[in-house]
N, C-alpha and C. Protein backbone atom coordinates (compact mmCIF):
# COMPACT_ATOMS: atom_id res chain seq x y z
N MET A 1 67.36 -99.58 -23.01
CA MET A 1 67.86 -100.31 -21.87
C MET A 1 66.84 -101.37 -21.48
N ARG A 2 67.31 -102.57 -21.43
CA ARG A 2 66.44 -103.72 -21.19
C ARG A 2 66.14 -103.94 -19.71
N ASP A 3 67.13 -103.70 -18.84
CA ASP A 3 66.95 -104.00 -17.43
C ASP A 3 68.04 -103.32 -16.60
N VAL A 4 68.10 -103.63 -15.32
CA VAL A 4 69.06 -102.98 -14.42
C VAL A 4 70.50 -103.37 -14.78
N TRP A 5 70.70 -104.50 -15.44
CA TRP A 5 72.05 -104.90 -15.86
C TRP A 5 72.55 -104.06 -17.02
N GLU A 6 71.64 -103.47 -17.80
CA GLU A 6 72.05 -102.70 -18.97
C GLU A 6 72.05 -101.19 -18.75
N ILE A 7 71.41 -100.72 -17.71
CA ILE A 7 71.32 -99.28 -17.49
C ILE A 7 72.65 -98.76 -16.94
N SER A 8 73.04 -97.58 -17.38
CA SER A 8 74.28 -96.99 -16.86
C SER A 8 74.06 -96.48 -15.44
N GLU A 9 75.13 -96.30 -14.72
CA GLU A 9 75.04 -95.80 -13.36
C GLU A 9 74.40 -94.41 -13.34
N VAL A 10 74.75 -93.59 -14.31
CA VAL A 10 74.18 -92.24 -14.39
C VAL A 10 72.67 -92.30 -14.64
N SER A 11 72.27 -93.11 -15.60
CA SER A 11 70.83 -93.23 -15.90
C SER A 11 70.08 -93.85 -14.73
N HIS A 12 70.68 -94.83 -14.06
CA HIS A 12 70.04 -95.44 -12.90
C HIS A 12 69.83 -94.40 -11.81
N GLY A 13 70.80 -93.51 -11.64
CA GLY A 13 70.65 -92.43 -10.66
C GLY A 13 69.49 -91.52 -11.00
N LYS A 14 69.29 -91.26 -12.30
CA LYS A 14 68.16 -90.42 -12.72
C LYS A 14 66.83 -91.12 -12.45
N VAL A 15 66.79 -92.44 -12.66
CA VAL A 15 65.58 -93.20 -12.35
C VAL A 15 65.31 -93.13 -10.85
N ALA A 16 66.36 -93.31 -10.04
CA ALA A 16 66.20 -93.25 -8.58
C ALA A 16 65.71 -91.88 -8.15
N ASP A 17 66.23 -90.83 -8.76
CA ASP A 17 65.76 -89.48 -8.44
C ASP A 17 64.27 -89.32 -8.75
N MET A 18 63.83 -89.87 -9.89
CA MET A 18 62.42 -89.79 -10.27
C MET A 18 61.55 -90.60 -9.31
N VAL A 19 62.02 -91.77 -8.91
CA VAL A 19 61.27 -92.58 -7.93
C VAL A 19 61.09 -91.78 -6.65
N HIS A 20 62.14 -91.11 -6.22
CA HIS A 20 62.07 -90.29 -5.02
C HIS A 20 61.03 -89.19 -5.17
N ARG A 21 61.01 -88.53 -6.32
CA ARG A 21 60.03 -87.46 -6.57
C ARG A 21 58.61 -88.00 -6.59
N VAL A 22 58.42 -89.14 -7.25
CA VAL A 22 57.08 -89.74 -7.34
C VAL A 22 56.58 -90.15 -5.96
N THR A 23 57.44 -90.76 -5.15
CA THR A 23 57.00 -91.17 -3.82
C THR A 23 56.63 -89.97 -2.96
N ALA A 24 57.36 -88.86 -3.12
CA ALA A 24 57.01 -87.64 -2.37
C ALA A 24 55.65 -87.11 -2.80
N LEU A 25 55.39 -87.13 -4.11
CA LEU A 25 54.08 -86.67 -4.60
C LEU A 25 52.95 -87.58 -4.11
N LEU A 26 53.19 -88.89 -4.12
CA LEU A 26 52.18 -89.83 -3.61
C LEU A 26 51.91 -89.60 -2.13
N LYS A 27 52.97 -89.34 -1.38
CA LYS A 27 52.80 -89.09 0.06
C LYS A 27 51.91 -87.88 0.30
N THR A 28 52.13 -86.83 -0.48
CA THR A 28 51.32 -85.62 -0.35
C THR A 28 49.89 -85.84 -0.81
N ALA A 29 49.72 -86.51 -1.94
CA ALA A 29 48.40 -86.66 -2.54
C ALA A 29 47.53 -87.71 -1.85
N LEU A 30 48.14 -88.82 -1.42
CA LEU A 30 47.35 -89.95 -0.92
C LEU A 30 47.56 -90.28 0.55
N ALA A 31 48.61 -89.75 1.16
CA ALA A 31 48.96 -90.06 2.55
C ALA A 31 48.94 -91.56 2.82
N PRO A 32 49.70 -92.33 2.03
CA PRO A 32 49.71 -93.78 2.26
C PRO A 32 50.43 -94.14 3.55
N GLU A 33 50.18 -95.34 4.03
CA GLU A 33 50.88 -95.84 5.22
C GLU A 33 52.30 -96.28 4.87
N GLY A 34 52.54 -96.53 3.62
CA GLY A 34 53.85 -96.96 3.14
C GLY A 34 53.85 -96.99 1.63
N VAL A 35 54.96 -97.42 1.07
CA VAL A 35 55.08 -97.52 -0.39
C VAL A 35 56.02 -98.67 -0.72
N ASN A 36 55.67 -99.43 -1.75
CA ASN A 36 56.56 -100.45 -2.28
C ASN A 36 57.18 -99.92 -3.57
N VAL A 37 58.49 -100.08 -3.70
CA VAL A 37 59.22 -99.72 -4.91
C VAL A 37 59.86 -101.01 -5.41
N LYS A 38 59.56 -101.38 -6.66
CA LYS A 38 60.00 -102.68 -7.15
C LYS A 38 60.44 -102.60 -8.60
N HIS A 39 61.49 -103.35 -8.91
CA HIS A 39 61.94 -103.54 -10.29
C HIS A 39 62.29 -105.01 -10.46
N ASN A 40 61.89 -105.61 -11.55
CA ASN A 40 62.24 -106.99 -11.87
C ASN A 40 63.24 -106.99 -13.01
N THR A 41 64.32 -107.74 -12.86
CA THR A 41 65.30 -107.91 -13.94
C THR A 41 65.35 -109.38 -14.30
N GLY A 42 65.03 -109.67 -15.54
CA GLY A 42 65.07 -111.03 -16.05
C GLY A 42 63.75 -111.76 -15.92
N GLU A 43 63.52 -112.63 -16.86
CA GLU A 43 62.28 -113.39 -16.88
C GLU A 43 62.09 -114.20 -15.60
N ALA A 44 63.16 -114.75 -15.05
CA ALA A 44 63.08 -115.54 -13.82
C ALA A 44 62.61 -114.70 -12.64
N ALA A 45 62.83 -113.39 -12.70
CA ALA A 45 62.41 -112.49 -11.63
C ALA A 45 61.02 -111.92 -11.87
N GLY A 46 60.38 -112.33 -12.97
CA GLY A 46 59.04 -111.86 -13.26
C GLY A 46 58.98 -110.71 -14.25
N GLN A 47 60.11 -110.33 -14.84
CA GLN A 47 60.08 -109.26 -15.83
C GLN A 47 59.40 -109.76 -17.09
N ASP A 48 58.36 -109.06 -17.52
CA ASP A 48 57.69 -109.44 -18.76
C ASP A 48 57.60 -108.27 -19.73
N VAL A 49 58.04 -107.11 -19.32
CA VAL A 49 58.17 -105.94 -20.19
C VAL A 49 59.65 -105.61 -20.21
N PHE A 50 60.30 -105.81 -21.34
CA PHE A 50 61.75 -105.75 -21.38
C PHE A 50 62.28 -104.37 -21.75
N HIS A 51 62.03 -103.45 -20.83
CA HIS A 51 62.66 -102.14 -20.80
C HIS A 51 62.74 -101.76 -19.32
N ILE A 52 63.62 -100.85 -18.99
CA ILE A 52 63.79 -100.48 -17.58
C ILE A 52 62.56 -99.72 -17.11
N HIS A 53 61.99 -100.15 -16.01
CA HIS A 53 60.88 -99.45 -15.39
C HIS A 53 60.81 -99.86 -13.92
N VAL A 54 60.15 -99.04 -13.14
CA VAL A 54 60.03 -99.26 -11.71
C VAL A 54 58.56 -99.15 -11.33
N HIS A 55 58.11 -100.05 -10.48
CA HIS A 55 56.75 -99.98 -9.96
C HIS A 55 56.79 -99.24 -8.62
N VAL A 56 55.95 -98.23 -8.49
CA VAL A 56 55.83 -97.48 -7.23
C VAL A 56 54.38 -97.66 -6.78
N VAL A 57 54.19 -98.39 -5.68
CA VAL A 57 52.84 -98.77 -5.24
C VAL A 57 52.57 -98.20 -3.85
N PRO A 58 51.67 -97.21 -3.75
CA PRO A 58 51.32 -96.69 -2.43
C PRO A 58 50.46 -97.71 -1.68
N LEU A 59 50.73 -97.87 -0.40
CA LEU A 59 49.97 -98.80 0.42
C LEU A 59 49.01 -98.01 1.31
N LEU A 60 47.75 -98.12 0.98
CA LEU A 60 46.71 -97.39 1.69
C LEU A 60 46.14 -98.26 2.81
N PRO A 61 45.49 -97.67 3.79
CA PRO A 61 44.89 -98.47 4.86
C PRO A 61 43.98 -99.56 4.28
N GLY A 62 44.12 -100.78 4.80
CA GLY A 62 43.29 -101.88 4.33
C GLY A 62 43.75 -102.48 3.02
N HIS A 63 44.90 -102.07 2.51
CA HIS A 63 45.41 -102.56 1.23
C HIS A 63 45.65 -104.06 1.32
N ALA A 64 45.37 -104.78 0.27
CA ALA A 64 45.48 -106.24 0.26
C ALA A 64 46.90 -106.71 0.60
N ILE A 65 47.92 -106.02 0.11
CA ILE A 65 49.29 -106.44 0.41
C ILE A 65 49.53 -106.34 1.91
N ARG A 66 49.02 -105.29 2.53
CA ARG A 66 49.19 -105.12 3.97
C ARG A 66 48.53 -106.27 4.73
N ALA A 67 47.34 -106.65 4.30
CA ALA A 67 46.63 -107.74 4.97
C ALA A 67 47.42 -109.05 4.86
N VAL A 68 48.04 -109.30 3.73
CA VAL A 68 48.84 -110.51 3.54
C VAL A 68 50.05 -110.46 4.47
N LEU A 69 50.71 -109.33 4.57
CA LEU A 69 51.89 -109.20 5.41
C LEU A 69 51.54 -109.41 6.89
N GLU A 70 50.39 -108.93 7.30
CA GLU A 70 50.00 -109.05 8.70
C GLU A 70 49.67 -110.48 9.09
N THR A 71 49.26 -111.31 8.14
CA THR A 71 48.90 -112.70 8.45
C THR A 71 50.09 -113.64 8.26
N ALA A 72 51.18 -113.14 7.71
CA ALA A 72 52.37 -114.00 7.45
C ALA A 72 53.15 -114.26 8.72
C-alpha cells in the first residue's frame, strides 16, 4: 500500500487502532502535554517514503513545535 488512497478501509482501521495503542503507551511512558499524529499522502504533501505509515510525535514540555505554536 502506497498511501491513504490505496489502503483498504479495513486496513486503515487497523492502522488507526495501532495509532491509538501507541499514543496510550506514550502517554503512560512519557506523560506528554499532547501528541501529533500525521500522515502524508503524495509527494505534494511531503510524502517521501511511499508506503503507508503514520508519524506519532509526543509533545513534551518545552518542545520546539510547542514554542512555534505559541508564537504564531
